[in-house]
Amino acid sequence: MSFDLSLDEGKILVGLARSAVEEYLKTKKRIRASEDMPEKLMQPCGVFVTINSVEDGEKELRGCIGLPYPTTPLAQAVIESAISSATQDPRFYPLSQSELEKVVFEVSVLTPPQPIEVEKPSEYPSKIKVGVDGLIVEKGIYKGLLLPQVPVEWDWDEEEFLCQCCVKAGLPPDCWLTKGTKVYKFQAIIFEEEKPRGEIRRKTLGGK
């Protein structure tokens, strides 16, 4: 991965995600990235912001939305994705102010998705590495994306990862084997809070 981020830059992004949500829940106003933001954080990048609730050390998804393609300056993309993750994820009711002390923020900065080249669909699993790659499956109007950390958290192999990405897209699990389905992969640099408002660290997934 040619593009990289330091821990300090990761701390800025996670702090920005939390600040954006706090301000929006309090005042319904969207903060803007400060003008003295490091230049690298103003480059267009794909990004997802994941919010997890934490109870007794166990994490549970509370919201996850992002911009998969590098269409928006990174810092601004983090602000937009964080607010959407907190208030627009259709799987959850909007985050409340009181929950801010019980959730951790995670920012995944994505490399641009690349089509996986295969001669036949059965080769897809051999071209994917769990713990390294995220996936996008597309067919017609259907599209599903799963971040690289998802198959690690669920202990999926490459084939199950492909099936679950099809399901996320609203397609049959074996749709990756059928003609006309496109599969893309990308990687992510991930930073997360260790506990609510706690230290921020770079997350390593440990590919299989």
C-alpha atoms as a PDB file:
ATOM      1  CA  MET A   1       0.000   0.000   0.000  1.00  0.00           C
ATOM      2  CA  SER A   2       1.730   3.179  -1.165  1.00  0.00           C
ATOM      3  CA  PHE A   3      -0.509   5.561   0.816  1.00  0.00           C
ATOM      4  CA  ASP A   4       0.038   5.352   4.564  1.00  0.00           C
ATOM      5  CA  LEU A   5      -0.924   7.294   7.671  1.00  0.00           C
ATOM      6  CA  SER A   6       0.962   7.833  10.926  1.00  0.00           C
ATOM      7  CA  LEU A   7      -0.569   7.161  14.335  1.00  0.00           C
ATOM      8  CA  ASP A   8      -0.789  10.930  14.910  1.00  0.00           C
ATOM      9  CA  GLU A   9      -2.769  11.337  11.674  1.00  0.00           C
ATOM     10  CA  GLY A  10      -5.010   8.441  12.738  1.00  0.00           C
ATOM     11  CA  LYS A  11      -5.617  10.141  16.086  1.00  0.00           C
ATOM     12  CA  ILE A  12      -6.718  13.307  14.273  1.00  0.00           C
ATOM     13  CA  LEU A  13      -9.196  11.326  12.145  1.00  0.00           C
ATOM     14  CA  VAL A  14     -10.744   9.380  15.033  1.00  0.00           C
ATOM     15  CA  GLY A  15     -10.956  12.577  17.103  1.00  0.00           C
ATOM     16  CA  LEU A  16     -12.639  14.270  14.161  1.00  0.00           C
ATOM     17  CA  ALA A  17     -15.202  11.451  13.884  1.00  0.00           C
ATOM     18  CA  ARG A  18     -16.134  11.725  17.571  1.00  0.00           C
ATOM     19  CA  SER A  19     -16.209  15.548  17.543  1.00  0.00           C
ATOM     20  CA  ALA A  20     -18.415  15.583  14.425  1.00  0.00           C
ATOM     21  CA  VAL A  21     -20.974  13.263  16.032  1.00  0.00           C
ATOM     22  CA  GLU A  22     -20.931  15.087  19.392  1.00  0.00           C
ATOM     23  CA  GLU A  23     -21.515  18.468  17.748  1.00  0.00           C
ATOM     24  CA  TYR A  24     -24.219  17.135  15.434  1.00  0.00           C
ATOM     25  CA  LEU A  25     -26.140  15.404  18.239  1.00  0.00           C
ATOM     26  CA  LYS A  26     -25.930  18.551  20.362  1.00  0.00           C
ATOM     27  CA  THR A  27     -26.653  21.287  17.807  1.00  0.00           C
ATOM     28  CA  LYS A  28     -27.522  19.539  14.479  1.00  0.00           C
ATOM     29  CA  LYS A  29     -24.560  21.455  13.015  1.00  0.00           C
ATOM     30  CA  ARG A  30     -21.850  19.834  10.890  1.00  0.00           C
ATOM     31  CA  ILE A  31     -18.304  20.781  11.847  1.00  0.00           C
ATOM     32  CA  ARG A  32     -15.774  21.530   9.108  1.00  0.00           C
ATOM     33  CA  ALA A  33     -12.203  20.293   8.890  1.00  0.00           C
ATOM     34  CA  SER A  34      -9.859  22.979  10.239  1.00  0.00           C
ATOM     35  CA  GLU A  35      -7.740  24.873   7.747  1.00  0.00           C
ATOM     36  CA  ASP A  36      -4.484  23.762   9.355  1.00  0.00           C
ATOM     37  CA  MET A  37      -5.325  20.068   8.794  1.00  0.00           C
ATOM     38  CA  PRO A  38      -2.247  18.126   7.530  1.00  0.00           C
ATOM     39  CA  GLU A  39      -2.197  18.146   3.734  1.00  0.00           C
ATOM     40  CA  LYS A  40      -2.342  14.348   3.555  1.00  0.00           C
ATOM     41  CA  LEU A  41      -5.685  14.342   5.367  1.00  0.00           C
ATOM     42  CA  MET A  42      -7.161  16.614   2.712  1.00  0.00           C
ATOM     43  CA  GLN A  43      -6.439  14.173  -0.132  1.00  0.00           C
ATOM     44  CA  PRO A  44      -9.543  12.457  -1.528  1.00  0.00           C
ATOM     45  CA  CYS A  45      -9.879   9.000   0.044  1.00  0.00           C
ATOM     46  CA  GLY A  46     -12.537   6.394   0.611  1.00  0.00           C
ATOM     47  CA  VAL A  47     -13.348   5.967   4.296  1.00  0.00           C
ATOM     48  CA  PHE A  48     -15.760   4.175   6.621  1.00  0.00           C
ATOM     49  CA  VAL A  49     -16.573   5.131  10.197  1.00  0.00           C
ATOM     50  CA  THR A  50     -17.666   2.295  12.463  1.00  0.00           C
ATOM     51  CA  ILE A  51     -19.295   2.946  15.842  1.00  0.00           C
ATOM     52  CA  ASN A  52     -19.316   0.056  18.324  1.00  0.00           C
ATOM     53  CA  SER A  53     -21.067   0.022  21.681  1.00  0.00           C
ATOM     54  CA  VAL A  54     -18.968  -1.478  24.475  1.00  0.00           C
ATOM     55  CA  GLU A  55     -20.352  -3.376  27.453  1.00  0.00           C
ATOM     56  CA  ASP A  56     -18.278  -5.550  29.805  1.00  0.00           C
ATOM     57  CA  GLY A  57     -15.445  -5.462  27.283  1.00  0.00           C
ATOM     58  CA  GLU A  58     -17.669  -6.831  24.489  1.00  0.00           C
ATOM     59  CA  LYS A  59     -18.128  -4.787  21.332  1.00  0.00           C
ATOM     60  CA  GLU A  60     -21.346  -4.670  19.340  1.00  0.00           C
ATOM     61  CA  LEU A  61     -21.919  -2.834  16.082  1.00  0.00           C
ATOM     62  CA  ARG A  62     -23.889   0.388  16.518  1.00  0.00           C
ATOM     63  CA  GLY A  63     -23.435   1.962  13.093  1.00  0.00           C
ATOM     64  CA  CYS A  64     -21.164   1.759  10.047  1.00  0.00           C
ATOM     65  CA  ILE A  65     -21.394   3.977   6.968  1.00  0.00           C
ATOM     66  CA  GLY A  66     -18.813   5.403   4.620  1.00  0.00           C
ATOM     67  CA  LEU A  67     -17.743   6.575   1.209  1.00  0.00           C
ATOM     68  CA  PRO A  68     -16.046   3.687  -0.635  1.00  0.00           C
ATOM     69  CA  TYR A  69     -14.470   5.768  -3.394  1.00  0.00           C
ATOM     70  CA  PRO A  70     -11.951   8.660  -3.193  1.00  0.00           C
ATOM     71  CA  THR A  71     -14.425  11.414  -4.100  1.00  0.00           C
ATOM     72  CA  THR A  72     -14.115  13.658  -1.019  1.00  0.00           C
ATOM     73  CA  PRO A  73     -11.143  15.091   0.953  1.00  0.00           C
ATOM     74  CA  LEU A  74     -10.386  12.545   3.692  1.00  0.00           C
ATOM     75  CA  ALA A  75     -11.056  14.774   6.723  1.00  0.00           C
ATOM     76  CA  GLN A  76     -14.396  15.919   5.289  1.00  0.00           C
ATOM     77  CA  ALA A  77     -15.279  12.328   4.342  1.00  0.00           C
ATOM     78  CA  VAL A  78     -14.658  11.271   7.971  1.00  0.00           C
ATOM     79  CA  ILE A  79     -17.004  14.005   9.251  1.00  0.00           C
ATOM     80  CA  GLU A  80     -19.784  13.037   6.815  1.00  0.00           C
ATOM     81  CA  SER A  81     -19.366   9.298   7.394  1.00  0.00           C
ATOM     82  CA  ALA A  82     -19.293   9.656  11.200  1.00  0.00           C
ATOM     83  CA  ILE A  83     -22.544  11.651  11.287  1.00  0.00           C
ATOM     84  CA  SER A  84     -24.213   9.226   8.858  1.00  0.00           C
ATOM     85  CA  SER A  85     -22.983   6.226  10.857  1.00  0.00           C
ATOM     86  CA  ALA A  86     -24.446   7.706  14.055  1.00  0.00           C
ATOM     87  CA  THR A  87     -27.778   8.837  12.620  1.00  0.00           C
ATOM     88  CA  GLN A  88     -28.509   7.236   9.221  1.00  0.00           C
ATOM     89  CA  ASP A  89     -27.570   3.540   9.418  1.00  0.00           C
ATOM     90  CA  PRO A  90     -30.905   1.860   8.578  1.00  0.00           C
ATOM     91  CA  ARG A  91     -30.061  -1.140  10.799  1.00  0.00           C
ATOM     92  CA  PHE A  92     -30.088   0.955  13.995  1.00  0.00           C
ATOM     93  CA  TYR A  93     -31.982   3.775  15.650  1.00  0.00           C
ATOM     94  CA  PRO A  94     -29.990   7.059  15.771  1.00  0.00           C
ATOM     95  CA  LEU A  95     -27.295   7.349  18.429  1.00  0.00           C
ATOM     96  CA  SER A  96     -28.267   9.417  21.473  1.00  0.00           C
ATOM     97  CA  GLN A  97     -26.016  11.880  23.315  1.00  0.00           C
ATOM     98  CA  SER A  98     -26.032   9.678  26.423  1.00  0.00           C
ATOM     99  CA  GLU A  99     -24.538   6.790  24.415  1.00  0.00           C
ATOM    100  CA  LEU A 100     -21.408   8.749  23.538  1.00  0.00           C
ATOM    101  CA  GLU A 101     -19.758   7.575  26.773  1.00  0.00           C
ATOM    102  CA  LYS A 102     -20.447   3.928  25.873  1.00  0.00           C
ATOM    103  CA  VAL A 103     -19.247   3.734  22.269  1.00  0.00           C
ATOM    104  CA  VAL A 104     -15.878   3.542  20.513  1.00  0.00           C
ATOM    105  CA  PHE A 105     -15.118   5.069  17.121  1.00  0.00           C
ATOM    106  CA  GLU A 106     -13.164   3.278  14.417  1.00  0.00           C
ATOM    107  CA  VAL A 107     -11.980   4.908  11.154  1.00  0.00           C
ATOM    108  CA  SER A 108     -11.015   2.760   8.145  1.00  0.00           C
ATOM    109  CA  VAL A 109      -9.220   4.652   5.360  1.00  0.00           C
ATOM    110  CA  LEU A 110      -9.564   2.720   2.097  1.00  0.00           C
ATOM    111  CA  THR A 111      -7.357   2.248  -0.924  1.00  0.00           C
ATOM    112  CA  PRO A 112      -9.248   2.696  -4.232  1.00  0.00           C
ATOM    113  CA  PRO A 113     -11.165  -0.531  -5.047  1.00  0.00           C
ATOM    114  CA  GLN A 114      -9.596  -2.594  -7.852  1.00  0.00           C
ATOM    115  CA  PRO A 115     -11.407  -5.223  -9.952  1.00  0.00           C
ATOM    116  CA  ILE A 116     -10.195  -8.765  -9.224  1.00  0.00           C
ATOM    117  CA  GLU A 117      -9.098 -10.318 -12.517  1.00  0.00           C
ATOM    118  CA  VAL A 118      -9.983 -13.995 -12.947  1.00  0.00           C
ATOM    119  CA  GLU A 119     -10.442 -16.358 -15.886  1.00  0.00           C
ATOM    120  CA  LYS A 120     -13.321 -18.095 -14.125  1.00  0.00           C
ATOM    121  CA  PRO A 121     -15.287 -17.116 -10.997  1.00  0.00           C
ATOM    122  CA  SER A 122     -14.145 -20.174  -9.022  1.00  0.00           C
ATOM    123  CA  GLU A 123     -10.704 -18.498  -8.837  1.00  0.00           C
ATOM    124  CA  TYR A 124     -11.955 -15.568  -6.736  1.00  0.00           C
ATOM    125  CA  PRO A 125     -11.189 -17.115  -3.306  1.00  0.00           C
ATOM    126  CA  SER A 126      -7.531 -17.648  -4.297  1.00  0.00           C
ATOM    127  CA  LYS A 127      -7.195 -13.936  -5.152  1.00  0.00           C
ATOM    128  CA  ILE A 128      -8.441 -12.707  -1.756  1.00  0.00           C
ATOM    129  CA  LYS A 129      -6.634 -12.594   1.582  1.00  0.00           C
ATOM    130  CA  VAL A 130      -8.724 -12.568   4.751  1.00  0.00           C
ATOM    131  CA  GLY A 131      -7.361  -9.988   7.181  1.00  0.00           C
ATOM    132  CA  VAL A 132      -5.927  -7.900   4.348  1.00  0.00           C
ATOM    133  CA  ASP A 133      -8.624  -7.323   1.743  1.00  0.00           C
ATOM    134  CA  GLY A 134     -12.078  -5.790   1.868  1.00  0.00           C
ATOM    135  CA  LEU A 135     -14.603  -6.702  -0.831  1.00  0.00           C
ATOM    136  CA  ILE A 136     -17.215  -5.085  -3.031  1.00  0.00           C
ATOM    137  CA  VAL A 137     -19.637  -7.264  -4.998  1.00  0.00           C
ATOM    138  CA  GLU A 138     -21.695  -5.669  -7.782  1.00  0.00           C
ATOM    139  CA  LYS A 139     -24.401  -7.053 -10.038  1.00  0.00           C
ATOM    140  CA  GLY A 140     -26.768  -4.740 -11.883  1.00  0.00           C
ATOM    141  CA  ILE A 141     -28.227  -2.281  -9.380  1.00  0.00           C
ATOM    142  CA  TYR A 142     -27.068  -4.383  -6.407  1.00  0.00           C
ATOM    143  CA  LYS A 143     -23.890  -3.574  -4.518  1.00  0.00           C
ATOM    144  CA  GLY A 144     -22.466  -4.810  -1.220  1.00  0.00           C
ATOM    145  CA  LEU A 145     -19.279  -3.851   0.650  1.00  0.00           C
ATOM    146  CA  LEU A 146     -17.587  -5.518   3.603  1.00  0.00           C
ATOM    147  CA  LEU A 147     -14.515  -4.062   5.336  1.00  0.00           C
ATOM    148  CA  PRO A 148     -11.368  -6.198   5.854  1.00  0.00           C
ATOM    149  CA  GLN A 149     -12.029  -6.505   9.608  1.00  0.00           C
ATOM    150  CA  VAL A 150     -15.438  -8.179   9.123  1.00  0.00           C
ATOM    151  CA  PRO A 151     -14.311 -11.701   8.055  1.00  0.00           C
ATOM    152  CA  VAL A 152     -11.677 -11.676  10.823  1.00  0.00           C
ATOM    153  CA  GLU A 153     -14.303 -10.813  13.468  1.00  0.00           C
ATOM    154  CA  TRP A 154     -16.632 -13.556  12.187  1.00  0.00           C
ATOM    155  CA  ASP A 155     -13.875 -16.109  11.451  1.00  0.00           C
ATOM    156  CA  TRP A 156     -14.879 -16.527   7.808  1.00  0.00           C
ATOM    157  CA  ASP A 157     -12.696 -18.074   5.122  1.00  0.00           C
ATOM    158  CA  GLU A 158     -12.378 -16.471   1.676  1.00  0.00           C
ATOM    159  CA  GLU A 159     -15.354 -18.326   0.214  1.00  0.00           C
ATOM    160  CA  GLU A 160     -17.663 -17.411   3.106  1.00  0.00           C
ATOM    161  CA  PHE A 161     -16.445 -13.805   2.831  1.00  0.00           C
ATOM    162  CA  LEU A 162     -17.540 -13.726  -0.833  1.00  0.00           C
ATOM    163  CA  CYS A 163     -20.910 -15.306   0.026  1.00  0.00           C
ATOM    164  CA  GLN A 164     -21.583 -12.834   2.841  1.00  0.00           C
ATOM    165  CA  CYS A 165     -20.650  -9.889   0.614  1.00  0.00           C
ATOM    166  CA  CYS A 166     -23.243 -11.120  -1.912  1.00  0.00           C
ATOM    167  CA  VAL A 167     -25.837 -11.316   0.887  1.00  0.00           C
ATOM    168  CA  LYS A 168     -24.918  -7.746   1.949  1.00  0.00           C
ATOM    169  CA  ALA A 169     -25.666  -6.692  -1.640  1.00  0.00           C
ATOM    170  CA  GLY A 170     -29.104  -8.328  -1.454  1.00  0.00           C
ATOM    171  CA  LEU A 171     -28.018 -11.149  -3.774  1.00  0.00           C
ATOM    172  CA  PRO A 172     -27.974 -14.953  -3.351  1.00  0.00           C
ATOM    173  CA  PRO A 173     -24.845 -16.139  -1.453  1.00  0.00           C
ATOM    174  CA  ASP A 174     -23.389 -17.954  -4.479  1.00  0.00           C
ATOM    175  CA  CYS A 175     -23.909 -14.989  -6.815  1.00  0.00           C
ATOM    176  CA  TRP A 176     -20.143 -14.427  -7.044  1.00  0.00           C
ATOM    177  CA  LEU A 177     -19.990 -17.580  -9.149  1.00  0.00           C
ATOM    178  CA  THR A 178     -22.496 -16.321 -11.730  1.00  0.00           C
ATOM    179  CA  LYS A 179     -21.900 -14.402 -14.947  1.00  0.00           C
ATOM    180  CA  GLY A 180     -22.145 -10.623 -14.790  1.00  0.00           C
ATOM    181  CA  THR A 181     -21.101 -10.315 -11.128  1.00  0.00           C
ATOM    182  CA  LYS A 182     -18.139  -7.996 -10.550  1.00  0.00           C
ATOM    183  CA  VAL A 183     -15.870  -8.395  -7.516  1.00  0.00           C
ATOM    184  CA  TYR A 184     -13.463  -5.697  -6.325  1.00  0.00           C
ATOM    185  CA  LYS A 185     -10.971  -5.666  -3.465  1.00  0.00           C
ATOM    186  CA  PHE A 186      -9.385  -2.896  -1.438  1.00  0.00           C
ATOM    187  CA  GLN A 187      -7.271  -2.542   1.693  1.00  0.00           C
ATOM    188  CA  ALA A 188      -7.730  -0.357   4.753  1.00  0.00           C
ATOM    189  CA  ILE A 189      -5.667   1.533   7.312  1.00  0.00           C
ATOM    190  CA  ILE A 190      -7.682   1.262  10.536  1.00  0.00           C
ATOM    191  CA  PHE A 191      -7.522   3.354  13.700  1.00  0.00           C
ATOM    192  CA  GLU A 192      -9.758   2.833  16.752  1.00  0.00           C
ATOM    193  CA  GLU A 193     -10.384   3.996  20.286  1.00  0.00           C
ATOM    194  CA  GLU A 194      -9.378   1.325  22.816  1.00  0.00           C
ATOM    195  CA  LYS A 195     -12.284   2.384  25.053  1.00  0.00           C
ATOM    196  CA  PRO A 196     -14.825   5.241  24.948  1.00  0.00           C
ATOM    197  CA  ARG A 197     -12.756   8.467  24.749  1.00  0.00           C
ATOM    198  CA  GLY A 198      -9.667   6.295  25.345  1.00  0.00           C
ATOM    199  CA  GLU A 199      -6.291   5.944  23.650  1.00  0.00           C
ATOM    200  CA  ILE A 200      -6.345   5.577  19.878  1.00  0.00           C
ATOM    201  CA  ARG A 201      -4.338   2.786  18.281  1.00  0.00           C
ATOM    202  CA  ARG A 202      -3.733   1.394  14.844  1.00  0.00           C
ATOM    203  CA  LYS A 203      -5.667  -1.833  14.432  1.00  0.00           C
ATOM    204  CA  THR A 204      -3.886  -4.831  12.927  1.00  0.00           C
ATOM    205  CA  LEU A 205      -6.002  -7.677  11.630  1.00  0.00           C
ATOM    206  CA  GLY A 206      -3.438 -10.433  11.266  1.00  0.00           C
ATOM    207  CA  GLY A 207      -4.227 -11.970   7.889  1.00  0.00           C
ATOM    208  CA  LYS A 208      -4.655 -15.730   7.732  1.00  0.00           C
END
